[in-house]
Amino acid sequence: MPEQPSSDTEFEDYLAGKTSLSKAYQQTPETGPSEAIDNAILSAAREAVSKKHSGASGKGYNWYVPMALAASVFVALGVIRIYSSDPALDPEQIADNINNMGQPDITAAGKSSPERILDRISKLVDQSKTEEAKEQYLAFVELFPNYEIDFNKYPNLKSIAQPR
């Protein structure tokens, strides 16, 4: 198909309705929705607006969205708080913390079972760290004053145990 040069005069002729294409557009009937459809849409819109303003949708639900938002925030903060707290320390970590401090941390040791603490103290005696073992033993006795130590299970604690 050979290309035809376009010019401004050709475009102006189209806009003025002088070309065959513009005459064909002028002869086609205008299309659009029928008046019945327009009226049905407009009446449905008017009805929806009047219901909203007359209170038919229920003014009692004005609290619903803010309350749901507040509840969601409350639950989210609770979940974040639960999962962001430090998990219980491992008994070995507790014993290491006690070793690294001048005074034993009795409250940290309370998170561990007495048997695990006694195992750790027994290991210190085996490693010839008797001063640390004595400090931790005294802290253990202070934390668990009524605990009966089975010296058959922990025979090396006899050397550091003081009579009560």
N, C-alpha and C. Protein backbone atom coordinates (compact mmCIF):
# COMPACT_ATOMS: atom_id res chain seq x y z
N MET A 1 0.84 -1.17 0.00
CA MET A 1 0.00 0.00 0.00
C MET A 1 0.88 1.23 0.00
N PRO A 2 0.73 2.07 -0.94
CA PRO A 2 1.58 3.25 -0.99
C PRO A 2 1.19 4.24 0.08
N GLU A 3 2.18 4.86 0.64
CA GLU A 3 1.92 5.85 1.69
C GLU A 3 1.46 7.15 1.07
N GLN A 4 0.46 7.73 1.70
CA GLN A 4 -0.03 9.01 1.23
C GLN A 4 0.49 10.09 2.14
N PRO A 5 0.97 11.13 1.57
CA PRO A 5 1.48 12.20 2.43
C PRO A 5 0.32 12.86 3.16
N SER A 6 0.52 13.13 4.42
CA SER A 6 -0.52 13.80 5.20
C SER A 6 -0.13 15.26 5.37
N SER A 7 -1.12 16.04 5.42
CA SER A 7 -0.84 17.46 5.59
C SER A 7 -1.86 18.07 6.53
N ASP A 8 -1.59 19.25 6.95
CA ASP A 8 -2.51 19.94 7.86
C ASP A 8 -3.83 20.24 7.16
N THR A 9 -3.80 20.47 5.90
CA THR A 9 -5.05 20.79 5.18
C THR A 9 -5.96 19.57 5.14
N GLU A 10 -5.37 18.39 5.00
CA GLU A 10 -6.19 17.18 5.00
C GLU A 10 -6.88 17.00 6.35
N PHE A 11 -6.14 17.26 7.43
CA PHE A 11 -6.71 17.15 8.78
C PHE A 11 -7.80 18.19 8.98
N GLU A 12 -7.56 19.39 8.51
CA GLU A 12 -8.57 20.45 8.64
C GLU A 12 -9.83 20.10 7.84
N ASP A 13 -9.67 19.49 6.71
CA ASP A 13 -10.83 19.06 5.93
C ASP A 13 -11.63 18.01 6.70
N TYR A 14 -10.91 17.08 7.36
CA TYR A 14 -11.60 16.06 8.17
C TYR A 14 -12.40 16.71 9.28
N LEU A 15 -11.77 17.65 9.99
CA LEU A 15 -12.46 18.33 11.09
C LEU A 15 -13.65 19.14 10.59
N ALA A 16 -13.56 19.69 9.42
CA ALA A 16 -14.64 20.50 8.87
C ALA A 16 -15.76 19.63 8.31
N GLY A 17 -15.55 18.31 8.19
CA GLY A 17 -16.57 17.41 7.68
C GLY A 17 -16.58 17.29 6.19
N LYS A 18 -15.49 17.61 5.54
CA LYS A 18 -15.41 17.60 4.09
C LYS A 18 -14.91 16.26 3.53
N THR A 19 -14.37 15.37 4.36
CA THR A 19 -13.85 14.09 3.88
C THR A 19 -14.94 13.03 3.96
N SER A 20 -14.73 11.92 3.25
CA SER A 20 -15.72 10.84 3.24
C SER A 20 -15.81 10.16 4.61
N LEU A 21 -14.71 10.08 5.31
CA LEU A 21 -14.72 9.47 6.64
C LEU A 21 -15.52 10.30 7.62
N SER A 22 -15.33 11.60 7.63
CA SER A 22 -16.08 12.44 8.56
C SER A 22 -17.56 12.45 8.21
N LYS A 23 -17.91 12.31 6.92
CA LYS A 23 -19.32 12.25 6.52
C LYS A 23 -19.94 10.94 7.00
N ALA A 24 -19.15 9.83 6.97
CA ALA A 24 -19.67 8.54 7.44
C ALA A 24 -19.94 8.59 8.95
N TYR A 25 -19.06 9.22 9.70
CA TYR A 25 -19.29 9.37 11.15
C TYR A 25 -20.54 10.21 11.43
N GLN A 26 -20.77 11.22 10.64
CA GLN A 26 -21.93 12.08 10.86
C GLN A 26 -23.24 11.35 10.57
N GLN A 27 -23.22 10.34 9.70
CA GLN A 27 -24.44 9.63 9.33
C GLN A 27 -24.80 8.52 10.32
N THR A 28 -23.85 8.08 11.17
CA THR A 28 -24.15 7.01 12.13
C THR A 28 -24.97 7.58 13.27
N PRO A 29 -25.94 6.79 13.76
CA PRO A 29 -26.74 7.28 14.89
C PRO A 29 -25.91 7.26 16.17
N GLU A 30 -26.21 8.20 17.04
CA GLU A 30 -25.51 8.23 18.33
C GLU A 30 -26.00 7.08 19.18
N THR A 31 -25.05 6.36 19.82
CA THR A 31 -25.43 5.24 20.68
C THR A 31 -25.19 5.63 22.12
N GLY A 32 -25.96 5.05 22.98
CA GLY A 32 -25.84 5.29 24.41
C GLY A 32 -26.91 4.49 25.12
N PRO A 33 -26.91 4.52 26.41
CA PRO A 33 -27.91 3.76 27.14
C PRO A 33 -29.30 4.36 26.91
N SER A 34 -30.27 3.48 26.98
CA SER A 34 -31.64 3.96 26.80
C SER A 34 -32.07 4.76 28.02
N GLU A 35 -33.13 5.50 27.83
CA GLU A 35 -33.61 6.33 28.92
C GLU A 35 -34.09 5.48 30.10
N ALA A 36 -34.61 4.29 29.84
CA ALA A 36 -35.09 3.41 30.90
C ALA A 36 -33.93 2.93 31.78
N ILE A 37 -32.81 2.61 31.15
CA ILE A 37 -31.64 2.18 31.92
C ILE A 37 -31.09 3.34 32.75
N ASP A 38 -31.00 4.52 32.15
CA ASP A 38 -30.55 5.70 32.89
C ASP A 38 -31.42 5.94 34.12
N ASN A 39 -32.72 5.87 33.94
CA ASN A 39 -33.65 6.12 35.05
C ASN A 39 -33.51 5.06 36.14
N ALA A 40 -33.31 3.78 35.74
CA ALA A 40 -33.16 2.71 36.73
C ALA A 40 -31.90 2.91 37.57
N ILE A 41 -30.81 3.29 36.92
CA ILE A 41 -29.55 3.51 37.63
C ILE A 41 -29.67 4.71 38.57
N LEU A 42 -30.25 5.78 38.08
CA LEU A 42 -30.40 6.98 38.92
C LEU A 42 -31.32 6.73 40.11
N SER A 43 -32.40 5.99 39.91
CA SER A 43 -33.30 5.72 41.05
C SER A 43 -32.64 4.81 42.08
N ALA A 44 -31.83 3.83 41.63
CA ALA A 44 -31.12 2.95 42.58
C ALA A 44 -30.10 3.76 43.38
N ALA A 45 -29.43 4.69 42.72
CA ALA A 45 -28.46 5.53 43.42
C ALA A 45 -29.14 6.43 44.44
N ARG A 46 -30.27 7.02 44.06
CA ARG A 46 -31.02 7.88 44.99
C ARG A 46 -31.49 7.08 46.21
N GLU A 47 -31.97 5.87 45.96
CA GLU A 47 -32.46 5.01 47.04
C GLU A 47 -31.33 4.66 48.02
N ALA A 48 -30.15 4.34 47.48
CA ALA A 48 -29.01 4.00 48.33
C ALA A 48 -28.57 5.18 49.17
N VAL A 49 -28.57 6.36 48.58
CA VAL A 49 -28.18 7.57 49.31
C VAL A 49 -29.20 7.89 50.38
N SER A 50 -30.48 7.76 50.08
CA SER A 50 -31.50 8.09 51.08
C SER A 50 -31.48 7.10 52.23
N LYS A 51 -31.19 5.82 51.97
CA LYS A 51 -31.08 4.84 53.06
C LYS A 51 -29.93 5.17 53.99
N LYS A 52 -28.81 5.56 53.40
CA LYS A 52 -27.64 5.86 54.21
C LYS A 52 -27.89 7.06 55.12
N HIS A 53 -28.55 8.07 54.59
CA HIS A 53 -28.79 9.28 55.38
C HIS A 53 -29.96 9.13 56.33
N SER A 54 -30.89 8.22 56.05
CA SER A 54 -32.05 8.06 56.94
C SER A 54 -31.75 7.16 58.12
N GLY A 55 -30.60 6.50 58.14
CA GLY A 55 -30.23 5.64 59.26
C GLY A 55 -30.64 4.21 59.05
N ALA A 56 -31.11 3.85 57.87
CA ALA A 56 -31.51 2.48 57.62
C ALA A 56 -30.33 1.52 57.68
N SER A 57 -29.13 2.00 57.44
CA SER A 57 -27.96 1.13 57.50
C SER A 57 -27.55 0.86 58.94
N GLY A 58 -28.07 1.59 59.89
CA GLY A 58 -27.80 1.32 61.30
C GLY A 58 -26.71 2.20 61.85
N LYS A 59 -27.09 3.14 62.67
CA LYS A 59 -26.08 4.00 63.29
C LYS A 59 -25.40 3.30 64.46
N GLY A 60 -25.94 2.17 64.88
CA GLY A 60 -25.35 1.43 65.98
C GLY A 60 -24.00 0.82 65.63
N TYR A 61 -23.70 0.76 64.35
CA TYR A 61 -22.44 0.17 63.93
C TYR A 61 -21.33 1.19 63.78
N ASN A 62 -21.53 2.40 64.22
CA ASN A 62 -20.49 3.41 64.12
C ASN A 62 -19.28 3.05 65.00
N TRP A 63 -19.48 2.27 66.04
CA TRP A 63 -18.40 1.89 66.94
C TRP A 63 -17.63 0.68 66.42
N TYR A 64 -18.19 -0.03 65.45
CA TYR A 64 -17.66 -1.32 65.03
C TYR A 64 -16.23 -1.23 64.47
N VAL A 65 -15.99 -0.33 63.56
CA VAL A 65 -14.66 -0.24 62.92
C VAL A 65 -13.60 0.22 63.92
N PRO A 66 -13.82 1.29 64.69
CA PRO A 66 -12.77 1.69 65.65
C PRO A 66 -12.50 0.61 66.71
N MET A 67 -13.55 -0.06 67.14
CA MET A 67 -13.36 -1.09 68.16
C MET A 67 -12.59 -2.28 67.59
N ALA A 68 -12.89 -2.66 66.36
CA ALA A 68 -12.16 -3.76 65.73
C ALA A 68 -10.69 -3.40 65.53
N LEU A 69 -10.43 -2.17 65.15
CA LEU A 69 -9.05 -1.71 64.98
C LEU A 69 -8.30 -1.74 66.32
N ALA A 70 -8.94 -1.24 67.37
CA ALA A 70 -8.30 -1.23 68.69
C ALA A 70 -8.03 -2.66 69.17
N ALA A 71 -8.97 -3.56 68.95
CA ALA A 71 -8.76 -4.95 69.37
C ALA A 71 -7.62 -5.59 68.59
N SER A 72 -7.53 -5.30 67.31
CA SER A 72 -6.45 -5.85 66.50
C SER A 72 -5.09 -5.36 66.97
N VAL A 73 -5.01 -4.08 67.29
CA VAL A 73 -3.76 -3.52 67.78
C VAL A 73 -3.39 -4.15 69.12
N PHE A 74 -4.37 -4.33 69.99
CA PHE A 74 -4.14 -4.92 71.30
C PHE A 74 -3.61 -6.35 71.17
N VAL A 75 -4.22 -7.13 70.30
CA VAL A 75 -3.78 -8.52 70.10
C VAL A 75 -2.38 -8.55 69.48
N ALA A 76 -2.13 -7.68 68.50
CA ALA A 76 -0.82 -7.65 67.85
C ALA A 76 0.28 -7.29 68.86
N LEU A 77 0.02 -6.32 69.71
CA LEU A 77 1.02 -5.94 70.72
C LEU A 77 1.27 -7.08 71.70
N GLY A 78 0.20 -7.79 72.06
CA GLY A 78 0.37 -8.93 72.96
C GLY A 78 1.23 -10.02 72.34
N VAL A 79 0.99 -10.31 71.07
CA VAL A 79 1.78 -11.34 70.39
C VAL A 79 3.23 -10.90 70.27
N ILE A 80 3.45 -9.65 69.93
CA ILE A 80 4.82 -9.14 69.81
C ILE A 80 5.52 -9.22 71.15
N ARG A 81 4.81 -8.88 72.20
CA ARG A 81 5.42 -8.90 73.54
C ARG A 81 5.78 -10.32 73.97
N ILE A 82 4.92 -11.27 73.64
CA ILE A 82 5.19 -12.67 74.00
C ILE A 82 6.42 -13.19 73.27
N TYR A 83 6.48 -12.93 71.97
CA TYR A 83 7.57 -13.50 71.18
C TYR A 83 8.86 -12.71 71.26
N SER A 84 8.81 -11.49 71.76
CA SER A 84 10.05 -10.73 71.85
C SER A 84 10.75 -10.91 73.20
N SER A 85 10.07 -11.48 74.18
CA SER A 85 10.72 -11.68 75.48
C SER A 85 11.76 -12.78 75.36
N ASP A 86 12.80 -12.67 76.18
CA ASP A 86 13.88 -13.65 76.12
C ASP A 86 13.38 -14.99 76.64
N PRO A 87 13.72 -16.06 75.95
CA PRO A 87 13.35 -17.38 76.46
C PRO A 87 14.15 -17.68 77.73
N ALA A 88 13.67 -18.65 78.47
CA ALA A 88 14.37 -19.02 79.71
C ALA A 88 15.80 -19.41 79.38
N LEU A 89 16.70 -18.98 80.21
CA LEU A 89 18.12 -19.26 79.96
C LEU A 89 18.41 -20.72 80.21
N ASP A 90 19.35 -21.22 79.47
CA ASP A 90 19.83 -22.57 79.64
C ASP A 90 20.58 -22.66 80.98
N PRO A 91 20.45 -23.75 81.72
CA PRO A 91 21.14 -23.87 83.00
C PRO A 91 22.64 -23.66 82.89
N GLU A 92 23.24 -24.10 81.78
CA GLU A 92 24.68 -23.88 81.59
C GLU A 92 24.98 -22.38 81.49
N GLN A 93 24.09 -21.62 80.83
CA GLN A 93 24.28 -20.18 80.73
C GLN A 93 24.16 -19.54 82.11
N ILE A 94 23.22 -20.03 82.91
CA ILE A 94 23.05 -19.48 84.26
C ILE A 94 24.32 -19.71 85.08
N ALA A 95 24.83 -20.94 85.00
CA ALA A 95 26.04 -21.25 85.76
C ALA A 95 27.22 -20.43 85.26
N ASP A 96 27.32 -20.24 83.93
CA ASP A 96 28.40 -19.41 83.39
C ASP A 96 28.27 -17.97 83.85
N ASN A 97 27.04 -17.47 83.91
CA ASN A 97 26.83 -16.10 84.42
C ASN A 97 27.26 -15.99 85.87
N ILE A 98 26.97 -17.03 86.64
CA ILE A 98 27.39 -17.02 88.04
C ILE A 98 28.91 -17.02 88.14
N ASN A 99 29.56 -17.78 87.25
CA ASN A 99 31.01 -17.83 87.26
C ASN A 99 31.63 -16.49 86.93
N ASN A 100 31.02 -15.77 86.02
CA ASN A 100 31.60 -14.52 85.55
C ASN A 100 31.35 -13.35 86.49
N MET A 101 30.52 -13.52 87.48
CA MET A 101 30.22 -12.43 88.41
C MET A 101 30.97 -12.64 89.72
N GLY A 102 31.18 -11.55 90.43
CA GLY A 102 31.84 -11.64 91.73
C GLY A 102 30.95 -12.37 92.72
N GLN A 103 29.69 -11.99 92.78
CA GLN A 103 28.72 -12.65 93.65
C GLN A 103 27.80 -13.53 92.79
N PRO A 104 27.45 -14.69 93.24
CA PRO A 104 26.56 -15.54 92.47
C PRO A 104 25.18 -14.91 92.36
N ASP A 105 24.56 -15.09 91.23
CA ASP A 105 23.22 -14.55 90.98
C ASP A 105 22.19 -15.60 91.39
N ILE A 106 21.65 -15.43 92.55
CA ILE A 106 20.74 -16.43 93.11
C ILE A 106 19.44 -16.45 92.32
N THR A 107 18.96 -15.28 91.89
CA THR A 107 17.69 -15.25 91.16
C THR A 107 17.81 -15.94 89.82
N ALA A 108 18.94 -15.83 89.13
CA ALA A 108 19.13 -16.52 87.86
C ALA A 108 19.22 -18.02 88.09
N ALA A 109 19.85 -18.42 89.17
CA ALA A 109 19.96 -19.84 89.48
C ALA A 109 18.60 -20.43 89.81
N GLY A 110 17.68 -19.60 90.30
CA GLY A 110 16.35 -20.07 90.65
C GLY A 110 15.56 -20.52 89.44
N LYS A 111 15.97 -20.13 88.25
CA LYS A 111 15.27 -20.54 87.04
C LYS A 111 15.64 -21.97 86.65
N SER A 112 16.67 -22.53 87.27
CA SER A 112 17.14 -23.85 86.95
C SER A 112 16.71 -24.81 88.06
N SER A 113 16.72 -26.09 87.74
CA SER A 113 16.37 -27.08 88.76
C SER A 113 17.55 -27.25 89.71
N PRO A 114 17.29 -27.63 90.96
CA PRO A 114 18.39 -27.83 91.93
C PRO A 114 19.40 -28.88 91.46
N GLU A 115 18.91 -29.92 90.79
CA GLU A 115 19.83 -30.97 90.35
C GLU A 115 20.82 -30.43 89.31
N ARG A 116 20.36 -29.60 88.44
CA ARG A 116 21.26 -29.06 87.41
C ARG A 116 22.30 -28.12 88.04
N ILE A 117 21.88 -27.36 89.02
CA ILE A 117 22.83 -26.47 89.68
C ILE A 117 23.87 -27.29 90.43
N LEU A 118 23.41 -28.35 91.11
CA LEU A 118 24.36 -29.21 91.82
C LEU A 118 25.31 -29.91 90.85
N ASP A 119 24.81 -30.29 89.68
CA ASP A 119 25.69 -30.88 88.65
C ASP A 119 26.77 -29.89 88.25
N ARG A 120 26.40 -28.64 88.07
CA ARG A 120 27.36 -27.61 87.66
C ARG A 120 28.40 -27.38 88.77
N ILE A 121 27.94 -27.32 90.00
CA ILE A 121 28.87 -27.13 91.12
C ILE A 121 29.81 -28.32 91.22
N SER A 122 29.27 -29.51 91.01
CA SER A 122 30.10 -30.73 91.05
C SER A 122 31.16 -30.69 89.96
N LYS A 123 30.80 -30.18 88.77
CA LYS A 123 31.79 -30.06 87.69
C LYS A 123 32.89 -29.07 88.07
N LEU A 124 32.52 -28.01 88.77
CA LEU A 124 33.53 -27.04 89.21
C LEU A 124 34.52 -27.68 90.18
N VAL A 125 34.01 -28.52 91.07
CA VAL A 125 34.90 -29.22 92.01
C VAL A 125 35.82 -30.16 91.23
N ASP A 126 35.27 -30.86 90.24
CA ASP A 126 36.09 -31.76 89.43
C ASP A 126 37.18 -31.00 88.68
N GLN A 127 36.91 -29.75 88.33
CA GLN A 127 37.88 -28.92 87.60
C GLN A 127 38.83 -28.19 88.56
N SER A 128 38.76 -28.50 89.82
CA SER A 128 39.59 -27.88 90.87
C SER A 128 39.33 -26.39 91.02
N LYS A 129 38.12 -25.96 90.76
CA LYS A 129 37.72 -24.56 90.96
C LYS A 129 36.90 -24.50 92.26
N THR A 130 37.59 -24.81 93.35
CA THR A 130 36.90 -24.96 94.62
C THR A 130 36.33 -23.66 95.16
N GLU A 131 37.01 -22.53 94.93
CA GLU A 131 36.48 -21.25 95.45
C GLU A 131 35.16 -20.91 94.77
N GLU A 132 35.12 -21.05 93.46
CA GLU A 132 33.87 -20.79 92.73
C GLU A 132 32.79 -21.78 93.17
N ALA A 133 33.19 -23.03 93.32
CA ALA A 133 32.24 -24.07 93.74
C ALA A 133 31.67 -23.75 95.12
N LYS A 134 32.53 -23.26 96.06
CA LYS A 134 32.05 -22.91 97.40
C LYS A 134 31.06 -21.75 97.34
N GLU A 135 31.38 -20.72 96.52
CA GLU A 135 30.47 -19.58 96.39
C GLU A 135 29.11 -20.02 95.85
N GLN A 136 29.16 -20.87 94.83
CA GLN A 136 27.90 -21.32 94.24
C GLN A 136 27.16 -22.26 95.18
N TYR A 137 27.89 -23.03 95.94
CA TYR A 137 27.24 -23.91 96.91
C TYR A 137 26.52 -23.09 97.98
N LEU A 138 27.18 -22.03 98.45
CA LEU A 138 26.53 -21.17 99.45
C LEU A 138 25.30 -20.49 98.87
N ALA A 139 25.39 -20.06 97.63
CA ALA A 139 24.23 -19.46 96.97
C ALA A 139 23.12 -20.49 96.81
N PHE A 140 23.49 -21.73 96.50
CA PHE A 140 22.50 -22.79 96.36
C PHE A 140 21.79 -23.04 97.69
N VAL A 141 22.54 -23.09 98.75
CA VAL A 141 21.95 -23.33 100.07
C VAL A 141 21.02 -22.18 100.45
N GLU A 142 21.40 -20.97 100.07
CA GLU A 142 20.56 -19.80 100.36
C GLU A 142 19.28 -19.85 99.53
N LEU A 143 19.39 -20.32 98.30
CA LEU A 143 18.23 -20.37 97.40
C LEU A 143 17.30 -21.53 97.75
N PHE A 144 17.88 -22.66 98.10
CA PHE A 144 17.09 -23.85 98.43
C PHE A 144 17.45 -24.30 99.85
N PRO A 145 16.99 -23.61 100.88
CA PRO A 145 17.41 -23.93 102.25
C PRO A 145 16.94 -25.29 102.75
N ASN A 146 15.83 -25.80 102.24
CA ASN A 146 15.28 -27.06 102.73
C ASN A 146 15.57 -28.24 101.80
N TYR A 147 16.42 -28.04 100.82
CA TYR A 147 16.72 -29.10 99.86
C TYR A 147 17.74 -30.06 100.47
N GLU A 148 17.40 -31.33 100.46
CA GLU A 148 18.30 -32.37 100.98
C GLU A 148 19.22 -32.84 99.86
N ILE A 149 20.50 -32.58 100.00
CA ILE A 149 21.47 -32.96 98.97
C ILE A 149 21.84 -34.43 99.16
N ASP A 150 21.76 -35.18 98.07
CA ASP A 150 22.14 -36.59 98.09
C ASP A 150 23.64 -36.67 97.81
N PHE A 151 24.41 -36.81 98.89
CA PHE A 151 25.87 -36.82 98.74
C PHE A 151 26.36 -38.12 98.10
N ASN A 152 25.49 -39.15 98.01
CA ASN A 152 25.86 -40.35 97.26
C ASN A 152 25.87 -40.04 95.76
N LYS A 153 24.99 -39.17 95.35
CA LYS A 153 24.92 -38.78 93.94
C LYS A 153 26.01 -37.74 93.62
N TYR A 154 26.30 -36.87 94.60
CA TYR A 154 27.31 -35.81 94.42
C TYR A 154 28.39 -35.97 95.50
N PRO A 155 29.24 -37.00 95.41
CA PRO A 155 30.21 -37.26 96.49
C PRO A 155 31.27 -36.16 96.61
N ASN A 156 31.61 -35.48 95.53
CA ASN A 156 32.66 -34.47 95.62
C ASN A 156 32.17 -33.18 96.27
N LEU A 157 30.86 -33.04 96.50
CA LEU A 157 30.35 -31.86 97.19
C LEU A 157 30.60 -31.94 98.70
N LYS A 158 30.92 -33.12 99.20
CA LYS A 158 31.21 -33.26 100.64
C LYS A 158 32.39 -32.39 101.04
N SER A 159 33.32 -32.24 100.12
CA SER A 159 34.54 -31.50 100.46
C SER A 159 34.27 -29.98 100.62
N ILE A 160 33.27 -29.47 99.97
CA ILE A 160 32.98 -28.04 100.08
C ILE A 160 31.75 -27.74 100.93
N ALA A 161 30.98 -28.79 101.26
CA ALA A 161 29.75 -28.58 102.04
C ALA A 161 30.11 -28.24 103.47
N GLN A 162 29.39 -27.28 103.99
CA GLN A 162 29.57 -26.88 105.40
C GLN A 162 28.37 -27.41 106.17
N PRO A 163 28.59 -27.86 107.36
CA PRO A 163 27.47 -28.40 108.15
C PRO A 163 26.45 -27.29 108.41
N ARG A 164 25.21 -27.64 108.40
CA ARG A 164 24.12 -26.67 108.57
C ARG A 164 23.77 -26.50 110.01
